[in-house]
Amino acid sequence: MPYRRTENVVRRLAAREQAILAAATQLAGEAGMGAVQMADVAAHAGIAAGTVYRYFPSKTDLIAELVAAVAARELAAMRAAADAAPGPLSALVASIATLAARAQRTRRLFWAVSAEPVEPSIDAPRRDFRQALAGELKARIAAAIGGGHLPEQDMDVAAPAIVGALLESLIGPLAPNDDGDAGGRREAVQTATLLALRALGVIDARARGLVAQCVLPEVSPAA
């Protein structure tokens, strides 16, 4: 009779995998992707290095899963914020502002999983991450255009342009360092969100009103 894992075993294995991913995420968030080394991940997770390799045969496999997990979390947050908005334009604002706020609040991790110079082997999952962000914004832009709230435009260009502008202005090398200033972080997010809305064709007065209505709470790295 073939061996069948019990529910307790399955839960224990899943919990260990999540512990490994959590440790890798913490290291990336503290010191960048270069800090995600198998031995260090094992130490942070409180397990043997050999155990990490049983779940993730290589560092590339681990980082790819890390990026995928962060992507899923960020996309879920953007969708939840947008879905709670009363209309397509406010949904777009909520999606942009949520991406901006979360990226700025967890800037070291976001930079690590989206743009930090690293070995070419992990470029593909990070490109997928950025494409997923652009895809989410593209859907919201399309809905706003369909509702007559935005002018007709090439969404395949506009959506990635917004992603690029947000990431460069909030977490890139030229972004202001507001790590210890909640007010400065909020102002930076509002400014970046306003820039995105103006670029998409929302007139300034309306854009300011929409951003002012959008609540941008502090975001913890694990949220």
C-alpha atoms as a PDB file:
ATOM      1  CA  MET A   1       0.000   0.000   0.000  1.00  0.00           C
ATOM      2  CA  PRO A   2       1.573   3.363  -1.002  1.00  0.00           C
ATOM      3  CA  TYR A   3       2.460   5.791   1.740  1.00  0.00           C
ATOM      4  CA  ARG A   4      -0.019   8.646   2.148  1.00  0.00           C
ATOM      5  CA  ARG A   5       0.877  11.757   4.090  1.00  0.00           C
ATOM      6  CA  THR A   6      -1.453  12.570   6.947  1.00  0.00           C
ATOM      7  CA  GLU A   7      -3.010  16.002   7.260  1.00  0.00           C
ATOM      8  CA  ASN A   8      -0.681  16.811  10.152  1.00  0.00           C
ATOM      9  CA  VAL A   9       2.367  15.947   8.052  1.00  0.00           C
ATOM     10  CA  VAL A  10       1.113  18.047   5.156  1.00  0.00           C
ATOM     11  CA  ARG A  11       0.505  20.989   7.484  1.00  0.00           C
ATOM     12  CA  ARG A  12       3.937  20.608   9.057  1.00  0.00           C
ATOM     13  CA  LEU A  13       5.657  20.521   5.669  1.00  0.00           C
ATOM     14  CA  ALA A  14       3.726  23.568   4.486  1.00  0.00           C
ATOM     15  CA  ALA A  15       4.552  25.439   7.684  1.00  0.00           C
ATOM     16  CA  ARG A  16       8.247  24.686   7.250  1.00  0.00           C
ATOM     17  CA  GLU A  17       8.173  25.907   3.662  1.00  0.00           C
ATOM     18  CA  GLN A  18       6.496  29.115   4.780  1.00  0.00           C
ATOM     19  CA  ALA A  19       9.100  29.551   7.518  1.00  0.00           C
ATOM     20  CA  ILE A  20      11.853  29.291   4.917  1.00  0.00           C
ATOM     21  CA  LEU A  21      10.142  31.834   2.677  1.00  0.00           C
ATOM     22  CA  ALA A  22       9.553  34.159   5.629  1.00  0.00           C
ATOM     23  CA  ALA A  23      13.223  33.983   6.564  1.00  0.00           C
ATOM     24  CA  ALA A  24      14.300  34.693   2.991  1.00  0.00           C
ATOM     25  CA  THR A  25      11.868  37.595   2.770  1.00  0.00           C
ATOM     26  CA  GLN A  26      13.182  39.061   6.002  1.00  0.00           C
ATOM     27  CA  LEU A  27      16.772  38.876   4.783  1.00  0.00           C
ATOM     28  CA  ALA A  28      15.879  40.466   1.443  1.00  0.00           C
ATOM     29  CA  GLY A  29      13.932  43.200   3.201  1.00  0.00           C
ATOM     30  CA  GLU A  30      16.802  43.984   5.548  1.00  0.00           C
ATOM     31  CA  ALA A  31      19.832  43.768   3.269  1.00  0.00           C
ATOM     32  CA  GLY A  32      18.750  43.068  -0.296  1.00  0.00           C
ATOM     33  CA  MET A  33      18.689  40.000  -2.474  1.00  0.00           C
ATOM     34  CA  GLY A  34      22.410  39.401  -2.056  1.00  0.00           C
ATOM     35  CA  ALA A  35      21.741  38.547   1.588  1.00  0.00           C
ATOM     36  CA  VAL A  36      19.497  35.618   0.633  1.00  0.00           C
ATOM     37  CA  GLN A  37      22.025  32.819   1.054  1.00  0.00           C
ATOM     38  CA  MET A  38      20.884  29.297   1.794  1.00  0.00           C
ATOM     39  CA  ALA A  39      22.886  28.961   5.019  1.00  0.00           C
ATOM     40  CA  ASP A  40      21.651  32.304   6.329  1.00  0.00           C
ATOM     41  CA  VAL A  41      18.067  31.483   5.429  1.00  0.00           C
ATOM     42  CA  ALA A  42      18.372  28.186   7.292  1.00  0.00           C
ATOM     43  CA  ALA A  43      19.776  29.928  10.355  1.00  0.00           C
ATOM     44  CA  HIS A  44      16.968  32.493  10.366  1.00  0.00           C
ATOM     45  CA  ALA A  45      14.369  29.765   9.953  1.00  0.00           C
ATOM     46  CA  GLY A  46      15.944  27.674  12.726  1.00  0.00           C
ATOM     47  CA  ILE A  47      16.494  24.616  10.561  1.00  0.00           C
ATOM     48  CA  ALA A  48      19.410  22.795   8.958  1.00  0.00           C
ATOM     49  CA  ALA A  49      20.722  24.026   5.608  1.00  0.00           C
ATOM     50  CA  GLY A  50      20.040  20.602   4.106  1.00  0.00           C
ATOM     51  CA  THR A  51      16.369  21.018   4.925  1.00  0.00           C
ATOM     52  CA  VAL A  52      16.198  24.227   2.886  1.00  0.00           C
ATOM     53  CA  TYR A  53      17.614  22.367  -0.114  1.00  0.00           C
ATOM     54  CA  ARG A  54      14.925  19.697   0.203  1.00  0.00           C
ATOM     55  CA  TYR A  55      12.292  22.374  -0.350  1.00  0.00           C
ATOM     56  CA  PHE A  56      14.258  24.569  -2.749  1.00  0.00           C
ATOM     57  CA  PRO A  57      17.011  22.761  -4.712  1.00  0.00           C
ATOM     58  CA  SER A  58      18.836  26.020  -5.483  1.00  0.00           C
ATOM     59  CA  LYS A  59      19.037  29.644  -4.449  1.00  0.00           C
ATOM     60  CA  THR A  60      17.403  30.561  -7.766  1.00  0.00           C
ATOM     61  CA  ASP A  61      14.408  28.362  -6.923  1.00  0.00           C
ATOM     62  CA  LEU A  62      14.086  29.969  -3.503  1.00  0.00           C
ATOM     63  CA  ILE A  63      14.289  33.525  -4.816  1.00  0.00           C
ATOM     64  CA  ALA A  64      11.806  32.787  -7.603  1.00  0.00           C
ATOM     65  CA  GLU A  65       9.314  31.552  -5.008  1.00  0.00           C
ATOM     66  CA  LEU A  66      10.058  34.555  -2.788  1.00  0.00           C
ATOM     67  CA  VAL A  67       9.330  36.964  -5.639  1.00  0.00           C
ATOM     68  CA  ALA A  68       6.149  35.075  -6.532  1.00  0.00           C
ATOM     69  CA  ALA A  69       4.949  35.211  -2.931  1.00  0.00           C
ATOM     70  CA  VAL A  70       5.576  38.955  -2.660  1.00  0.00           C
ATOM     71  CA  ALA A  71       3.877  39.514  -6.023  1.00  0.00           C
ATOM     72  CA  ALA A  72       0.792  37.592  -4.940  1.00  0.00           C
ATOM     73  CA  ARG A  73       0.602  39.580  -1.711  1.00  0.00           C
ATOM     74  CA  GLU A  74       0.968  42.964  -3.410  1.00  0.00           C
ATOM     75  CA  LEU A  75      -1.522  42.171  -6.173  1.00  0.00           C
ATOM     76  CA  ALA A  76      -4.045  40.979  -3.606  1.00  0.00           C
ATOM     77  CA  ALA A  77      -3.668  44.242  -1.678  1.00  0.00           C
ATOM     78  CA  MET A  78      -4.122  46.330  -4.837  1.00  0.00           C
ATOM     79  CA  ARG A  79      -7.209  44.368  -5.862  1.00  0.00           C
ATOM     80  CA  ALA A  80      -8.781  44.537  -2.418  1.00  0.00           C
ATOM     81  CA  ALA A  81      -8.343  48.308  -2.277  1.00  0.00           C
ATOM     82  CA  ALA A  82      -9.684  48.797  -5.798  1.00  0.00           C
ATOM     83  CA  ASP A  83     -12.622  46.444  -5.336  1.00  0.00           C
ATOM     84  CA  ALA A  84     -13.700  48.401  -2.247  1.00  0.00           C
ATOM     85  CA  ALA A  85     -13.837  51.678  -4.201  1.00  0.00           C
ATOM     86  CA  PRO A  86     -17.215  53.016  -5.377  1.00  0.00           C
ATOM     87  CA  GLY A  87     -16.374  53.479  -9.064  1.00  0.00           C
ATOM     88  CA  PRO A  88     -13.806  52.714 -11.772  1.00  0.00           C
ATOM     89  CA  LEU A  89     -11.823  55.949 -11.412  1.00  0.00           C
ATOM     90  CA  SER A  90     -11.629  55.773  -7.628  1.00  0.00           C
ATOM     91  CA  ALA A  91     -10.714  52.083  -8.015  1.00  0.00           C
ATOM     92  CA  LEU A  92      -7.793  53.088 -10.210  1.00  0.00           C
ATOM     93  CA  VAL A  93      -6.719  55.697  -7.652  1.00  0.00           C
ATOM     94  CA  ALA A  94      -6.934  53.146  -4.842  1.00  0.00           C
ATOM     95  CA  SER A  95      -4.889  50.633  -6.831  1.00  0.00           C
ATOM     96  CA  ILE A  96      -2.155  53.158  -7.662  1.00  0.00           C
ATOM     97  CA  ALA A  97      -2.043  54.599  -4.144  1.00  0.00           C
ATOM     98  CA  THR A  98      -1.907  51.142  -2.567  1.00  0.00           C
ATOM     99  CA  LEU A  99       0.986  50.094  -4.780  1.00  0.00           C
ATOM    100  CA  ALA A 100       2.779  53.356  -4.044  1.00  0.00           C
ATOM    101  CA  ALA A 101       2.229  53.194  -0.282  1.00  0.00           C
ATOM    102  CA  ARG A 102       3.261  49.578   0.092  1.00  0.00           C
ATOM    103  CA  ALA A 103       6.303  49.969  -2.135  1.00  0.00           C
ATOM    104  CA  GLN A 104       7.454  53.035  -0.240  1.00  0.00           C
ATOM    105  CA  ARG A 105       6.831  51.499   3.181  1.00  0.00           C
ATOM    106  CA  THR A 106       8.732  48.285   2.338  1.00  0.00           C
ATOM    107  CA  ARG A 107      11.149  49.913  -0.061  1.00  0.00           C
ATOM    108  CA  ARG A 108      14.167  47.663   0.575  1.00  0.00           C
ATOM    109  CA  LEU A 109      12.189  44.491  -0.063  1.00  0.00           C
ATOM    110  CA  PHE A 110      10.331  45.994  -3.017  1.00  0.00           C
ATOM    111  CA  TRP A 111      13.614  47.093  -4.600  1.00  0.00           C
ATOM    112  CA  ALA A 112      15.060  43.629  -4.041  1.00  0.00           C
ATOM    113  CA  VAL A 113      12.201  41.836  -5.780  1.00  0.00           C
ATOM    114  CA  SER A 114      11.733  44.322  -8.610  1.00  0.00           C
ATOM    115  CA  ALA A 115      14.886  46.132  -9.664  1.00  0.00           C
ATOM    116  CA  GLU A 116      17.997  45.492  -7.574  1.00  0.00           C
ATOM    117  CA  PRO A 117      20.957  44.468  -9.789  1.00  0.00           C
ATOM    118  CA  VAL A 118      21.417  40.719  -9.298  1.00  0.00           C
ATOM    119  CA  GLU A 119      22.483  37.621 -11.184  1.00  0.00           C
ATOM    120  CA  PRO A 120      20.619  37.126 -14.494  1.00  0.00           C
ATOM    121  CA  SER A 121      19.084  33.844 -13.332  1.00  0.00           C
ATOM    122  CA  ILE A 122      16.408  35.650 -11.313  1.00  0.00           C
ATOM    123  CA  ASP A 123      15.594  38.353 -13.841  1.00  0.00           C
ATOM    124  CA  ALA A 124      12.650  36.369 -15.246  1.00  0.00           C
ATOM    125  CA  PRO A 125      10.559  36.126 -12.040  1.00  0.00           C
ATOM    126  CA  ARG A 126      11.214  39.786 -11.279  1.00  0.00           C
ATOM    127  CA  ARG A 127      10.137  40.760 -14.790  1.00  0.00           C
ATOM    128  CA  ASP A 128       6.986  38.707 -14.247  1.00  0.00           C
ATOM    129  CA  PHE A 129       6.371  40.662 -11.032  1.00  0.00           C
ATOM    130  CA  ARG A 130       6.563  44.011 -12.789  1.00  0.00           C
ATOM    131  CA  GLN A 131       4.388  42.734 -15.627  1.00  0.00           C
ATOM    132  CA  ALA A 132       1.787  41.560 -13.122  1.00  0.00           C
ATOM    133  CA  LEU A 133       1.702  45.000 -11.495  1.00  0.00           C
ATOM    134  CA  ALA A 134       1.315  46.627 -14.907  1.00  0.00           C
ATOM    135  CA  GLY A 135      -1.401  44.134 -15.837  1.00  0.00           C
ATOM    136  CA  GLU A 136      -3.396  44.986 -12.731  1.00  0.00           C
ATOM    137  CA  LEU A 137      -3.148  48.713 -13.446  1.00  0.00           C
ATOM    138  CA  LYS A 138      -3.988  48.142 -17.111  1.00  0.00           C
ATOM    139  CA  ALA A 139      -7.278  46.505 -16.128  1.00  0.00           C
ATOM    140  CA  ARG A 140      -8.162  49.460 -13.894  1.00  0.00           C
ATOM    141  CA  ILE A 141      -7.171  51.982 -16.568  1.00  0.00           C
ATOM    142  CA  ALA A 142      -9.329  50.143 -19.108  1.00  0.00           C
ATOM    143  CA  ALA A 143     -12.331  50.256 -16.763  1.00  0.00           C
ATOM    144  CA  ALA A 144     -11.840  53.982 -16.175  1.00  0.00           C
ATOM    145  CA  ILE A 145     -11.591  54.633 -19.927  1.00  0.00           C
ATOM    146  CA  GLY A 146     -14.695  52.523 -20.512  1.00  0.00           C
ATOM    147  CA  GLY A 147     -16.570  54.599 -17.954  1.00  0.00           C
ATOM    148  CA  GLY A 148     -15.591  57.832 -19.664  1.00  0.00           C
ATOM    149  CA  HIS A 149     -13.306  58.964 -16.825  1.00  0.00           C
ATOM    150  CA  LEU A 150     -10.042  58.913 -18.803  1.00  0.00           C
ATOM    151  CA  PRO A 151      -9.154  59.809 -22.388  1.00  0.00           C
ATOM    152  CA  GLU A 152      -8.439  57.031 -24.861  1.00  0.00           C
ATOM    153  CA  GLN A 153      -4.773  55.989 -24.695  1.00  0.00           C
ATOM    154  CA  ASP A 154      -2.406  53.098 -25.308  1.00  0.00           C
ATOM    155  CA  MET A 155      -2.794  51.103 -22.105  1.00  0.00           C
ATOM    156  CA  ASP A 156       0.086  48.786 -23.019  1.00  0.00           C
ATOM    157  CA  VAL A 157       2.358  51.815 -22.731  1.00  0.00           C
ATOM    158  CA  ALA A 158       0.565  53.717 -19.977  1.00  0.00           C
ATOM    159  CA  ALA A 159       0.366  50.917 -17.402  1.00  0.00           C
ATOM    160  CA  PRO A 160       4.078  49.969 -17.341  1.00  0.00           C
ATOM    161  CA  ALA A 161       4.974  53.670 -17.476  1.00  0.00           C
ATOM    162  CA  ILE A 162       3.010  54.223 -14.270  1.00  0.00           C
ATOM    163  CA  VAL A 163       4.685  51.240 -12.594  1.00  0.00           C
ATOM    164  CA  GLY A 164       8.094  52.552 -13.620  1.00  0.00           C
ATOM    165  CA  ALA A 165       7.362  56.067 -12.407  1.00  0.00           C
ATOM    166  CA  LEU A 166       6.102  54.873  -9.024  1.00  0.00           C
ATOM    167  CA  LEU A 167       9.020  52.540  -8.378  1.00  0.00           C
ATOM    168  CA  GLU A 168      11.688  54.966  -9.559  1.00  0.00           C
ATOM    169  CA  SER A 169      10.303  57.885  -7.563  1.00  0.00           C
ATOM    170  CA  LEU A 170       9.594  55.979  -4.348  1.00  0.00           C
ATOM    171  CA  ILE A 171      12.147  53.169  -4.039  1.00  0.00           C
ATOM    172  CA  GLY A 172      14.824  53.761  -6.689  1.00  0.00           C
ATOM    173  CA  PRO A 173      18.302  55.195  -6.073  1.00  0.00           C
ATOM    174  CA  LEU A 174      17.000  58.756  -6.550  1.00  0.00           C
ATOM    175  CA  ALA A 175      14.012  58.370  -4.205  1.00  0.00           C
ATOM    176  CA  PRO A 176      13.968  60.572  -1.091  1.00  0.00           C
ATOM    177  CA  ASN A 177      14.930  58.872   2.141  1.00  0.00           C
ATOM    178  CA  ASP A 178      11.891  59.256   4.407  1.00  0.00           C
ATOM    179  CA  ASP A 179      12.355  56.067   6.419  1.00  0.00           C
ATOM    180  CA  GLY A 180      11.938  57.772   9.779  1.00  0.00           C
ATOM    181  CA  ASP A 181       9.255  60.271   8.770  1.00  0.00           C
ATOM    182  CA  ALA A 182       5.687  59.029   8.393  1.00  0.00           C
ATOM    183  CA  GLY A 183       4.554  62.437   7.159  1.00  0.00           C
ATOM    184  CA  GLY A 184       7.273  62.503   4.527  1.00  0.00           C
ATOM    185  CA  ARG A 185       6.333  59.011   3.351  1.00  0.00           C
ATOM    186  CA  ARG A 186       2.699  59.964   3.013  1.00  0.00           C
ATOM    187  CA  GLU A 187       3.534  63.125   1.097  1.00  0.00           C
ATOM    188  CA  ALA A 188       5.812  61.174  -1.263  1.00  0.00           C
ATOM    189  CA  VAL A 189       3.061  58.628  -1.944  1.00  0.00           C
ATOM    190  CA  GLN A 190       0.497  61.352  -2.577  1.00  0.00           C
ATOM    191  CA  THR A 191       2.848  63.191  -4.929  1.00  0.00           C
ATOM    192  CA  ALA A 192       3.626  60.030  -6.900  1.00  0.00           C
ATOM    193  CA  THR A 193      -0.066  59.118  -7.109  1.00  0.00           C
ATOM    194  CA  LEU A 194      -0.957  62.611  -8.331  1.00  0.00           C
ATOM    195  CA  LEU A 195       1.772  62.386 -10.961  1.00  0.00           C
ATOM    196  CA  ALA A 196       0.354  59.083 -12.198  1.00  0.00           C
ATOM    197  CA  LEU A 197      -3.200  60.442 -12.417  1.00  0.00           C
ATOM    198  CA  ARG A 198      -2.104  63.567 -14.268  1.00  0.00           C
ATOM    199  CA  ALA A 199      -0.147  61.423 -16.708  1.00  0.00           C
ATOM    200  CA  LEU A 200      -3.273  59.352 -17.370  1.00  0.00           C
ATOM    201  CA  GLY A 201      -5.310  62.474 -18.114  1.00  0.00           C
ATOM    202  CA  VAL A 202      -7.130  63.297 -14.879  1.00  0.00           C
ATOM    203  CA  ILE A 203      -7.391  67.065 -14.506  1.00  0.00           C
ATOM    204  CA  ASP A 204      -5.430  68.384 -11.566  1.00  0.00           C
ATOM    205  CA  ALA A 205      -8.254  69.571  -9.316  1.00  0.00           C
ATOM    206  CA  ARG A 206     -10.087  66.266  -9.575  1.00  0.00           C
ATOM    207  CA  ALA A 207      -6.891  64.270  -9.134  1.00  0.00           C
ATOM    208  CA  ARG A 208      -6.104  66.112  -5.908  1.00  0.00           C
ATOM    209  CA  GLY A 209      -9.582  65.462  -4.568  1.00  0.00           C
ATOM    210  CA  LEU A 210      -9.401  61.758  -5.352  1.00  0.00           C
ATOM    211  CA  VAL A 211      -6.011  61.367  -3.695  1.00  0.00           C
ATOM    212  CA  ALA A 212      -7.130  63.321  -0.629  1.00  0.00           C
ATOM    213  CA  GLN A 213     -10.019  60.869  -0.196  1.00  0.00           C
ATOM    214  CA  CYS A 214      -7.753  57.842  -0.403  1.00  0.00           C
ATOM    215  CA  VAL A 215      -6.621  56.657   3.022  1.00  0.00           C
ATOM    216  CA  LEU A 216      -2.995  55.503   2.920  1.00  0.00           C
ATOM    217  CA  PRO A 217      -2.274  53.618   6.154  1.00  0.00           C
ATOM    218  CA  GLU A 218       1.146  52.590   7.314  1.00  0.00           C
ATOM    219  CA  VAL A 219       1.985  49.151   5.928  1.00  0.00           C
ATOM    220  CA  SER A 220       4.103  46.571   7.701  1.00  0.00           C
ATOM    221  CA  PRO A 221       6.410  44.330   5.630  1.00  0.00           C
ATOM    222  CA  ALA A 222       4.322  41.280   6.477  1.00  0.00           C
ATOM    223  CA  ALA A 223       0.951  42.822   5.638  1.00  0.00           C
END
